[in-house]
Amino acid sequence: HPRVRRQRQMCIRDRSTRLLNERYHELLERFAEQPWISLTYFVPDDRKEGGKYVTVQSTVKKIKEYERQLVLADERIISMPDIVSMQFLDRP
């Protein structure tokens, strides 16, 4: 049934959002350590509808809470709503 499928999708989304929020709070707590992280985020296509998912490993240079952005060591700016996964890694 479509209703059951929709409820399952919402449940998965809620768990995913909850996990991302936990990881974000952990990043705030551990920011001074400059933890090595892996981020997967969505990059929209400039020419057509859709886009692609990109995964990067880096440290976070700055957290812009008001703008809801992370600035990575290479100056790349990632919008928090575009992030679909965040993991803490051992340093390379």
Protein backbone atom coordinates (compact mmCIF):
# COMPACT_ATOMS: atom_id res chain seq x y z
CA HIS A 1 0.00 0.00 0.00
CA PRO A 2 1.24 3.51 -0.80
CA ARG A 3 0.33 4.73 2.70
CA VAL A 4 2.53 2.10 4.37
CA ARG A 5 5.40 2.85 1.97
CA ARG A 6 5.10 6.57 2.72
CA GLN A 7 5.17 5.89 6.48
CA ARG A 8 8.30 3.71 6.08
CA GLN A 9 10.03 6.43 4.04
CA MET A 10 9.16 9.04 6.69
CA CYS A 11 10.52 6.75 9.41
CA ILE A 12 13.80 6.25 7.51
CA ARG A 13 14.08 10.01 6.89
CA ASP A 14 13.43 10.73 10.59
CA ARG A 15 16.14 8.27 11.68
CA SER A 16 18.56 9.72 9.13
CA THR A 17 17.84 13.29 10.27
CA ARG A 18 18.23 12.29 13.91
CA LEU A 19 21.60 10.63 13.18
CA LEU A 20 22.84 13.69 11.24
CA ASN A 21 21.81 15.95 14.13
CA GLU A 22 23.74 13.73 16.56
CA ARG A 23 26.82 13.84 14.33
CA TYR A 24 26.53 17.62 13.97
CA HIS A 25 26.39 18.05 17.76
CA GLU A 26 29.39 15.75 18.12
CA LEU A 27 31.23 17.90 15.56
CA LEU A 28 30.44 21.00 17.64
CA GLU A 29 31.75 19.27 20.78
CA ARG A 30 34.91 17.99 19.08
CA PHE A 31 35.56 21.03 16.86
CA ALA A 32 38.72 22.09 18.75
CA GLU A 33 40.24 18.66 17.96
CA GLN A 34 39.73 19.27 14.23
CA PRO A 35 38.35 15.77 13.66
CA TRP A 36 38.80 14.10 10.26
CA ILE A 37 35.35 13.52 8.77
CA SER A 38 33.69 12.12 5.69
CA LEU A 39 30.74 14.11 4.31
CA THR A 40 28.37 13.08 1.56
CA TYR A 41 26.30 15.93 0.20
CA PHE A 42 24.08 16.79 -2.75
CA VAL A 43 25.35 19.11 -5.50
CA PRO A 44 22.56 20.38 -7.78
CA ASP A 45 23.15 20.42 -11.54
CA ASP A 46 23.33 23.99 -12.86
CA ARG A 47 21.91 23.09 -16.29
CA LYS A 48 19.13 20.64 -15.57
CA GLU A 49 16.99 19.26 -12.79
CA GLY A 50 18.76 16.84 -10.48
CA GLY A 51 22.39 16.65 -9.51
CA LYS A 52 24.85 14.28 -7.90
CA TYR A 53 26.09 13.17 -4.51
CA VAL A 54 29.71 13.97 -3.63
CA THR A 55 31.75 12.46 -0.79
CA VAL A 56 34.73 14.33 0.62
CA GLN A 57 37.11 13.68 3.50
CA SER A 58 38.44 16.71 5.32
CA THR A 59 38.52 18.71 8.51
CA VAL A 60 36.07 21.51 9.17
CA LYS A 61 37.73 24.91 9.33
CA LYS A 62 34.65 26.85 10.43
CA ILE A 63 31.05 26.22 11.41
CA LYS A 64 28.63 28.96 10.35
CA GLU A 65 25.68 28.13 12.56
CA TYR A 66 23.45 31.03 11.49
CA GLU A 67 23.97 30.31 7.77
CA ARG A 68 23.86 26.54 8.44
CA GLN A 69 27.13 25.97 6.58
CA LEU A 70 30.38 24.12 7.13
CA VAL A 71 33.62 25.54 5.71
CA LEU A 72 36.10 22.76 4.98
CA ALA A 73 39.89 22.98 5.18
CA ASP A 74 40.05 23.60 1.39
CA GLU A 75 37.59 26.55 1.77
CA ARG A 76 34.74 24.54 0.21
CA ILE A 77 31.42 25.65 1.70
CA ILE A 78 28.82 22.94 2.32
CA SER A 79 25.23 23.82 3.13
CA MET A 80 23.99 21.73 6.06
CA PRO A 81 20.64 20.84 4.43
CA ASP A 82 22.56 19.29 1.50
CA ILE A 83 24.46 16.87 3.77
CA VAL A 84 23.11 13.33 3.72
CA SER A 85 25.88 11.58 5.66
CA MET A 86 28.63 12.50 8.13
CA GLN A 87 31.13 10.10 9.65
CA PHE A 88 34.10 10.60 11.92
CA LEU A 89 37.25 8.93 10.64
CA ASP A 90 40.73 8.07 11.87
CA ARG A 91 43.30 10.48 10.48
CA PRO A 92 44.92 9.29 7.24
